[in-house]
Amino acid sequence: MRVCKNCESKMVEGYKMKINTTTLFADMTIAKKGFSEKPTVAVCPICGEISLYIEKIDKVK
């Protein structure tokens, strides 16, 4: 369970971030040599704060 750093409410997890541009549709990826993951987003239903996080943290070196 993620807790909002802004208002300390329980955040709703499991969202994905999509980045829209005028010419194409792209996903956001966190990458480094040998590592590439799409972040998961948690959203606070009270204040709208978002939290980006990597679910498969064991791959981070």
Protein backbone atom coordinates (compact mmCIF):
# COMPACT_ATOMS: atom_id res chain seq x y z
CA MET A 1 0.00 0.00 0.00
CA ARG A 2 1.34 3.39 -0.99
CA VAL A 3 0.55 6.43 1.13
CA CYS A 4 0.34 9.94 -0.30
CA LYS A 5 3.26 12.09 0.86
CA ASN A 6 1.09 15.17 0.49
CA CYS A 7 -2.04 14.29 2.52
CA GLU A 8 -1.23 10.80 3.93
CA SER A 9 -4.25 9.14 2.26
CA LYS A 10 -4.15 5.64 0.78
CA MET A 11 -3.20 5.84 -2.90
CA VAL A 12 -4.90 3.86 -5.66
CA GLU A 13 -2.24 1.75 -7.38
CA GLY A 14 -1.99 0.05 -10.75
CA TYR A 15 -2.27 2.92 -13.21
CA LYS A 16 0.08 3.17 -16.19
CA MET A 17 1.43 6.40 -17.64
CA LYS A 18 0.86 7.17 -21.31
CA ILE A 19 2.40 10.18 -23.01
CA ASN A 20 0.42 11.64 -25.89
CA THR A 21 1.98 13.84 -28.52
CA THR A 22 0.41 15.44 -31.55
CA THR A 23 2.00 12.96 -33.96
CA LEU A 24 2.41 9.69 -32.08
CA PHE A 25 1.47 7.72 -29.00
CA ALA A 26 4.33 6.70 -26.71
CA ASP A 27 4.87 4.89 -23.41
CA MET A 28 7.17 6.20 -20.71
CA THR A 29 10.09 3.89 -19.90
CA ILE A 30 12.74 4.05 -17.18
CA ALA A 31 15.94 2.75 -18.75
CA LYS A 32 19.62 2.21 -18.13
CA LYS A 33 22.07 -0.18 -19.78
CA GLY A 34 20.68 -3.67 -19.15
CA PHE A 35 17.47 -2.37 -17.56
CA SER A 36 14.22 -1.13 -19.04
CA GLU A 37 10.88 -0.99 -17.25
CA LYS A 38 7.65 0.92 -17.60
CA PRO A 39 6.78 2.67 -14.35
CA THR A 40 3.52 2.05 -12.52
CA VAL A 41 1.55 4.99 -11.21
CA ALA A 42 -0.34 5.38 -7.94
CA VAL A 43 -2.86 8.21 -7.67
CA CYS A 44 -4.16 9.86 -4.51
CA PRO A 45 -7.97 10.08 -4.74
CA ILE A 46 -8.02 13.00 -2.27
CA CYS A 47 -5.45 15.51 -3.56
CA GLY A 48 -4.45 14.11 -6.97
CA GLU A 49 -0.78 13.55 -6.10
CA ILE A 50 0.87 10.88 -8.28
CA SER A 51 3.69 8.48 -7.47
CA LEU A 52 5.78 6.75 -10.15
CA TYR A 53 7.41 3.47 -9.13
CA ILE A 54 8.98 0.33 -10.57
CA GLU A 55 7.24 -2.89 -9.55
CA LYS A 56 10.15 -5.22 -10.40
CA ILE A 57 12.70 -3.58 -8.11
CA ASP A 58 14.91 -6.71 -8.07
CA LYS A 59 16.06 -5.79 -11.60
CA VAL A 60 17.54 -2.48 -10.41
CA LYS A 61 21.30 -2.76 -10.02
